[in-house]
N, C-alpha and C. Protein backbone atom coordinates (compact mmCIF):
# COMPACT_ATOMS: atom_id res chain seq x y z
N MET A 1 2.31 21.17 -6.11
CA MET A 1 1.91 20.60 -7.40
C MET A 1 2.28 19.19 -7.66
N THR A 2 1.53 18.44 -8.21
CA THR A 2 1.80 17.19 -8.79
C THR A 2 2.84 17.08 -9.60
N THR A 3 3.73 16.18 -9.54
CA THR A 3 4.99 15.82 -10.50
C THR A 3 4.27 14.84 -11.49
N ILE A 4 4.72 14.83 -12.46
CA ILE A 4 4.48 13.83 -13.75
C ILE A 4 5.74 12.84 -13.59
N LEU A 5 5.37 11.70 -13.44
CA LEU A 5 6.48 10.53 -13.30
C LEU A 5 6.90 10.30 -14.40
N GLN A 6 5.80 9.87 -15.21
CA GLN A 6 6.06 8.84 -16.55
C GLN A 6 5.22 9.34 -17.38
N ASN A 7 5.38 9.10 -18.73
CA ASN A 7 4.33 9.17 -19.85
C ASN A 7 4.30 7.92 -20.51
N HIS A 8 2.93 7.54 -21.19
CA HIS A 8 2.56 6.44 -21.80
C HIS A 8 1.88 6.81 -23.04
N TYR A 9 2.44 6.28 -24.03
CA TYR A 9 1.62 6.69 -25.40
C TYR A 9 0.39 5.63 -25.56
N VAL A 10 -0.35 6.01 -26.24
CA VAL A 10 -1.57 5.00 -26.47
C VAL A 10 -2.02 5.03 -28.03
N LEU A 11 -1.58 4.12 -28.59
CA LEU A 11 -1.57 4.14 -29.87
C LEU A 11 -2.78 3.10 -30.76
N ALA A 12 -3.51 3.28 -31.40
CA ALA A 12 -4.38 2.45 -32.17
C ALA A 12 -4.02 1.68 -33.33
N VAL A 13 -4.07 0.73 -33.35
CA VAL A 13 -3.23 -0.09 -34.36
C VAL A 13 -4.11 -1.07 -35.20
N HIS A 14 -3.94 -1.47 -36.21
CA HIS A 14 -4.54 -2.56 -36.73
C HIS A 14 -3.82 -3.83 -36.73
N ASP A 15 -2.82 -4.05 -36.41
CA ASP A 15 -1.61 -5.30 -36.54
C ASP A 15 -1.00 -5.04 -35.31
N LEU A 16 -1.38 -5.55 -34.37
CA LEU A 16 -0.53 -5.72 -32.68
C LEU A 16 0.96 -6.08 -33.03
N ASP A 17 0.74 -7.38 -33.46
CA ASP A 17 2.31 -8.03 -33.67
C ASP A 17 3.11 -7.33 -34.46
N ARG A 18 2.86 -6.75 -35.62
CA ARG A 18 3.65 -6.02 -36.19
C ARG A 18 4.23 -4.89 -35.86
N SER A 19 3.26 -4.10 -35.11
CA SER A 19 3.69 -2.97 -34.36
C SER A 19 4.45 -3.19 -33.18
N ALA A 20 4.10 -4.07 -32.69
CA ALA A 20 5.27 -4.41 -31.51
C ALA A 20 6.49 -4.94 -31.88
N LYS A 21 6.69 -5.59 -33.01
CA LYS A 21 7.81 -5.79 -33.30
C LYS A 21 8.78 -4.61 -33.93
N PHE A 22 7.88 -3.42 -34.33
CA PHE A 22 8.84 -2.25 -34.41
C PHE A 22 9.23 -1.41 -33.42
N PHE A 23 8.39 -1.70 -32.40
CA PHE A 23 8.90 -0.98 -31.16
C PHE A 23 10.12 -1.94 -30.25
N GLU A 24 9.85 -3.06 -30.29
CA GLU A 24 10.78 -3.92 -30.13
C GLU A 24 12.74 -3.81 -31.06
N LYS A 25 12.47 -3.32 -31.95
CA LYS A 25 13.64 -2.83 -32.72
C LYS A 25 14.02 -1.49 -32.17
N LEU A 26 13.07 -0.74 -31.44
CA LEU A 26 13.59 0.64 -30.82
C LEU A 26 14.07 0.40 -29.74
N GLY A 27 14.10 -0.91 -29.04
CA GLY A 27 14.67 -1.35 -27.56
C GLY A 27 13.69 -1.29 -26.72
N PHE A 28 12.32 -1.34 -27.21
CA PHE A 28 11.24 -1.63 -26.11
C PHE A 28 10.95 -3.27 -26.06
N ALA A 29 10.51 -3.42 -24.92
CA ALA A 29 10.19 -4.91 -24.51
C ALA A 29 8.78 -5.12 -24.26
N ILE A 30 8.05 -6.06 -24.47
CA ILE A 30 6.77 -6.36 -24.03
C ILE A 30 6.79 -6.57 -22.81
N SER A 31 5.88 -5.81 -22.12
CA SER A 31 5.80 -5.84 -20.75
C SER A 31 4.17 -6.48 -20.33
N LEU A 32 3.48 -6.40 -20.94
CA LEU A 32 2.14 -7.00 -20.82
C LEU A 32 1.18 -7.09 -21.95
N LYS A 33 0.27 -8.22 -22.18
CA LYS A 33 -0.55 -8.28 -23.24
C LYS A 33 -2.05 -8.64 -22.85
N PRO A 34 -2.66 -7.54 -22.32
CA PRO A 34 -4.06 -8.09 -21.91
C PRO A 34 -4.73 -8.18 -23.58
N ASP A 35 -5.92 -8.89 -23.27
CA ASP A 35 -6.91 -8.95 -24.38
C ASP A 35 -7.02 -7.77 -25.48
N GLY A 36 -6.40 -7.54 -26.75
CA GLY A 36 -6.37 -6.76 -27.38
C GLY A 36 -5.57 -5.56 -27.25
N TRP A 37 -4.48 -5.67 -26.57
CA TRP A 37 -3.53 -4.83 -26.14
C TRP A 37 -2.24 -5.27 -26.43
N ILE A 38 -1.14 -4.69 -26.43
CA ILE A 38 0.50 -4.84 -26.08
C ILE A 38 1.09 -3.59 -25.53
N PHE A 39 1.44 -3.89 -24.34
CA PHE A 39 2.30 -2.86 -23.83
C PHE A 39 3.55 -3.14 -23.72
N LEU A 40 4.20 -2.02 -24.05
CA LEU A 40 5.82 -2.17 -24.25
C LEU A 40 6.73 -1.19 -23.46
N THR A 41 7.77 -1.38 -23.01
CA THR A 41 8.40 -0.36 -21.84
C THR A 41 9.74 -0.55 -22.41
N ARG A 42 10.52 0.75 -22.22
CA ARG A 42 11.97 1.23 -22.23
C ARG A 42 12.07 2.32 -21.47
N ASP A 43 13.06 2.00 -20.25
CA ASP A 43 13.36 3.26 -19.57
C ASP A 43 12.17 3.55 -18.80
N ASN A 44 11.74 4.82 -18.86
CA ASN A 44 10.85 5.56 -18.07
C ASN A 44 9.72 5.74 -19.27
N CYS A 45 9.53 4.87 -20.31
CA CYS A 45 8.49 5.20 -21.42
C CYS A 45 7.86 4.01 -21.55
N MET A 46 6.17 3.99 -21.80
CA MET A 46 5.37 3.08 -22.10
C MET A 46 4.76 3.36 -23.43
N VAL A 47 4.61 2.24 -24.27
CA VAL A 47 3.83 2.52 -25.36
C VAL A 47 2.61 1.52 -25.44
N MET A 48 1.57 1.85 -25.09
CA MET A 48 0.26 0.93 -25.10
C MET A 48 -0.55 0.69 -26.49
N LEU A 49 -0.21 -0.31 -27.21
CA LEU A 49 -0.94 -0.62 -28.54
C LEU A 49 -2.12 -1.09 -28.66
N GLY A 50 -3.12 -0.45 -28.85
CA GLY A 50 -4.37 -0.96 -28.88
C GLY A 50 -5.13 -1.39 -30.36
N HIS A 51 -5.77 -2.77 -30.49
CA HIS A 51 -6.06 -3.42 -31.69
C HIS A 51 -7.39 -2.44 -31.78
N CYS A 52 -7.10 -1.88 -32.84
CA CYS A 52 -8.56 -0.84 -33.44
C CYS A 52 -8.81 -1.35 -34.93
N ALA A 53 -9.51 -2.22 -35.14
CA ALA A 53 -9.46 -2.67 -36.54
C ALA A 53 -10.07 -1.42 -37.54
N ASP A 54 -11.17 -0.84 -36.89
CA ASP A 54 -11.92 0.29 -38.02
C ASP A 54 -11.34 1.55 -37.67
N SER A 55 -10.23 1.60 -36.90
CA SER A 55 -9.59 3.25 -36.89
C SER A 55 -9.14 3.78 -38.09
N ILE A 56 -8.76 4.80 -38.27
CA ILE A 56 -8.18 5.55 -39.45
C ILE A 56 -6.87 5.16 -39.37
N PRO A 57 -6.19 4.46 -40.19
CA PRO A 57 -4.80 4.15 -40.45
C PRO A 57 -4.07 5.54 -40.22
N ALA A 58 -3.00 5.51 -39.30
CA ALA A 58 -2.16 6.32 -38.99
C ALA A 58 -1.47 7.18 -40.03
N ALA A 59 -1.06 6.32 -41.16
CA ALA A 59 -0.50 6.87 -42.18
C ALA A 59 -1.29 7.96 -43.09
N LYS A 60 -2.78 7.67 -42.85
CA LYS A 60 -3.58 8.86 -43.57
C LYS A 60 -3.95 9.86 -42.79
N LEU A 61 -3.04 10.15 -41.48
CA LEU A 61 -3.69 11.35 -40.65
C LEU A 61 -2.71 12.40 -40.91
N GLY A 62 -1.77 12.07 -41.96
CA GLY A 62 -0.82 13.55 -42.27
C GLY A 62 -0.01 13.78 -40.69
N ASP A 63 0.13 15.16 -40.72
CA ASP A 63 0.66 15.53 -39.45
C ASP A 63 0.37 15.06 -38.23
N HIS A 64 -1.08 14.63 -38.27
CA HIS A 64 -1.59 14.28 -36.89
C HIS A 64 -1.03 12.66 -36.55
N SER A 65 -0.29 11.92 -37.49
CA SER A 65 0.20 10.83 -36.99
C SER A 65 1.34 10.80 -36.24
N TYR A 66 2.03 12.15 -35.73
CA TYR A 66 2.97 12.29 -35.04
C TYR A 66 2.45 12.13 -33.75
N PHE A 67 3.10 11.22 -32.89
CA PHE A 67 2.49 11.19 -31.32
C PHE A 67 3.13 11.44 -30.41
N GLY A 68 4.61 11.55 -30.41
CA GLY A 68 5.43 11.75 -29.30
C GLY A 68 6.77 12.40 -29.72
N TYR A 69 7.55 12.64 -28.43
CA TYR A 69 9.02 12.93 -28.54
C TYR A 69 9.83 12.44 -27.40
N LEU A 70 10.58 11.58 -27.87
CA LEU A 70 11.52 10.80 -26.66
C LEU A 70 12.91 11.80 -26.71
N ARG A 71 13.35 12.17 -25.54
CA ARG A 71 14.46 12.78 -25.33
C ARG A 71 15.73 11.58 -24.88
N VAL A 72 16.38 11.70 -25.52
CA VAL A 72 17.39 10.75 -25.30
C VAL A 72 18.94 11.09 -25.02
N ASP A 73 19.97 10.33 -24.30
CA ASP A 73 21.23 11.02 -23.97
C ASP A 73 22.15 11.10 -25.23
N ASN A 74 21.89 10.31 -26.21
CA ASN A 74 22.71 10.12 -27.23
C ASN A 74 22.01 9.78 -28.63
N ALA A 75 21.47 10.88 -29.34
CA ALA A 75 20.78 10.84 -30.51
C ALA A 75 21.50 10.08 -31.46
N THR A 76 22.70 10.53 -31.68
CA THR A 76 23.78 9.80 -32.73
C THR A 76 23.93 8.27 -32.92
N GLU A 77 23.94 7.88 -31.52
CA GLU A 77 23.95 6.35 -31.46
C GLU A 77 22.68 5.68 -31.67
N TYR A 78 21.82 6.20 -31.00
CA TYR A 78 20.65 5.65 -31.44
C TYR A 78 20.09 5.70 -32.58
N TYR A 79 20.42 6.89 -33.36
CA TYR A 79 20.09 6.84 -34.70
C TYR A 79 20.90 5.80 -35.66
N LYS A 80 22.08 5.56 -35.37
CA LYS A 80 22.95 4.53 -35.93
C LYS A 80 22.44 3.17 -35.87
N GLU A 81 21.94 2.75 -34.51
CA GLU A 81 21.45 1.67 -34.19
C GLU A 81 20.05 1.41 -34.82
N ILE A 82 19.39 2.39 -35.00
CA ILE A 82 17.77 2.07 -35.59
C ILE A 82 18.18 2.05 -36.97
N LYS A 83 18.93 2.87 -37.71
CA LYS A 83 19.01 2.51 -39.09
C LYS A 83 19.68 1.13 -39.36
N ALA A 84 20.61 0.54 -38.75
CA ALA A 84 21.32 -0.65 -39.06
C ALA A 84 19.92 -1.76 -38.86
N LYS A 85 18.75 -1.28 -38.33
CA LYS A 85 17.90 -2.43 -37.98
C LYS A 85 16.71 -2.08 -39.24
N GLY A 86 16.88 -1.27 -39.95
CA GLY A 86 16.24 -0.97 -41.01
C GLY A 86 14.73 -0.35 -40.78
N ILE A 87 14.67 0.53 -39.66
CA ILE A 87 13.76 1.09 -39.35
C ILE A 87 13.42 2.19 -40.25
N SER A 88 12.05 2.78 -40.75
CA SER A 88 11.89 3.74 -41.63
C SER A 88 12.29 5.17 -40.95
N ILE A 89 12.75 5.72 -41.65
CA ILE A 89 13.46 7.27 -40.92
C ILE A 89 12.75 8.24 -41.65
N GLY A 90 11.94 9.13 -40.60
CA GLY A 90 10.87 10.10 -41.55
C GLY A 90 12.07 11.16 -41.59
N HIS A 91 12.91 11.79 -40.68
CA HIS A 91 13.85 12.66 -41.01
C HIS A 91 14.98 12.21 -40.43
N PRO A 92 16.20 12.54 -41.48
CA PRO A 92 17.39 12.39 -40.90
C PRO A 92 17.83 12.90 -39.52
N LEU A 93 19.04 12.38 -39.00
CA LEU A 93 19.60 13.29 -37.74
C LEU A 93 20.01 14.60 -38.19
N GLU A 94 19.87 15.67 -37.43
CA GLU A 94 19.72 17.09 -37.85
C GLU A 94 20.00 17.82 -36.59
N ASP A 95 21.15 18.64 -36.48
CA ASP A 95 20.98 19.76 -35.32
C ASP A 95 20.07 20.52 -35.94
N LYS A 96 18.99 20.97 -34.63
CA LYS A 96 18.25 21.98 -35.02
C LYS A 96 18.27 23.22 -34.26
N PRO A 97 17.85 24.55 -34.96
CA PRO A 97 18.10 25.73 -34.12
C PRO A 97 17.65 26.08 -32.64
N TRP A 98 16.80 25.08 -32.14
CA TRP A 98 16.32 25.25 -30.89
C TRP A 98 17.16 24.25 -29.97
N GLY A 99 18.39 23.99 -30.55
CA GLY A 99 19.00 23.04 -29.54
C GLY A 99 19.04 21.72 -29.25
N MET A 100 18.63 21.09 -30.38
CA MET A 100 18.38 19.77 -30.28
C MET A 100 19.12 19.18 -31.46
N ARG A 101 19.50 17.92 -31.13
CA ARG A 101 20.02 17.07 -32.16
C ARG A 101 18.86 15.96 -32.50
N GLU A 102 18.17 15.75 -33.39
CA GLU A 102 17.13 14.97 -33.62
C GLU A 102 17.02 14.18 -34.91
N PHE A 103 15.96 13.23 -34.98
CA PHE A 103 15.22 12.58 -35.99
C PHE A 103 14.04 11.94 -35.71
N SER A 104 13.52 11.75 -36.68
CA SER A 104 12.23 10.84 -36.51
C SER A 104 12.13 9.73 -37.11
N VAL A 105 11.22 8.67 -36.86
CA VAL A 105 11.04 7.44 -37.28
C VAL A 105 9.43 7.02 -37.74
N VAL A 106 9.11 6.39 -38.53
CA VAL A 106 7.82 5.78 -38.84
C VAL A 106 7.57 4.67 -38.51
N SER A 107 6.45 4.33 -37.95
CA SER A 107 6.39 2.98 -37.70
C SER A 107 5.53 2.25 -39.13
N PRO A 108 5.54 0.96 -39.10
CA PRO A 108 4.89 0.27 -40.32
C PRO A 108 3.29 0.79 -40.58
N GLU A 109 2.81 1.22 -39.40
CA GLU A 109 1.49 1.78 -39.74
C GLU A 109 1.35 3.54 -39.93
N GLY A 110 2.44 3.94 -39.87
CA GLY A 110 2.66 5.26 -40.27
C GLY A 110 2.61 6.58 -39.01
N HIS A 111 2.84 5.65 -37.74
CA HIS A 111 2.82 6.51 -36.63
C HIS A 111 4.23 7.20 -36.48
N ARG A 112 4.49 8.47 -36.30
CA ARG A 112 5.68 9.23 -36.33
C ARG A 112 6.10 9.44 -35.19
N LEU A 113 7.37 9.23 -34.74
CA LEU A 113 8.13 9.58 -33.27
C LEU A 113 9.32 10.39 -33.88
N THR A 114 9.33 11.63 -32.89
CA THR A 114 10.73 12.46 -33.02
C THR A 114 11.54 12.03 -31.59
N ILE A 115 12.79 11.76 -32.10
CA ILE A 115 13.82 11.44 -30.86
C ILE A 115 15.04 12.44 -30.76
N GLY A 116 15.03 13.02 -29.73
CA GLY A 116 16.20 14.00 -29.82
C GLY A 116 16.99 14.29 -28.59
N GLU A 117 18.13 15.00 -28.63
CA GLU A 117 19.11 15.00 -27.31
C GLU A 117 19.18 16.51 -27.40
N ILE A 118 19.30 16.95 -26.20
CA ILE A 118 19.81 18.55 -25.93
C ILE A 118 21.47 18.62 -26.22
N ILE A 119 21.81 19.55 -27.30
CA ILE A 119 23.21 19.78 -27.25
C ILE A 119 23.47 21.18 -27.21
N GLU A 120 22.41 21.75 -26.58
CA GLU A 120 22.76 23.28 -26.08
C GLU A 120 22.08 23.55 -24.78
N SER A 121 22.89 24.11 -23.86
CA SER A 121 22.14 24.36 -22.59
C SER A 121 21.07 25.17 -22.78
N GLY A 122 20.32 25.16 -21.40
CA GLY A 122 19.09 26.17 -21.64
C GLY A 122 17.94 25.63 -21.94
N HIS A 123 17.81 24.19 -22.11
CA HIS A 123 16.72 23.88 -22.45
C HIS A 123 16.11 22.75 -21.89
């Protein structure tokens, strides 16, 4: 069976630079800027931002504005780092009954991303 080696998120945005700055605050770095796009990477994750001026704004998508879940090795430290940078928190850091310590962030355009760390074995 084929192994998935990496995941990439593709997001439609109205303001490429503003959205890229948000991901840079999350620790991502711009890796490529083809016309109409900005690709950002951090560790084994890539976010591909595509300029889509006519798309429905993510903030108007409700629950559908969630686009991904990043599993990290230290959610508490990452949460502190992100809060210090003034990033909008969707849900504060919390231990969940499914064995994860997690929180969510919201981009300036309304894309929501959950970030979590395994705190109980078996996951």
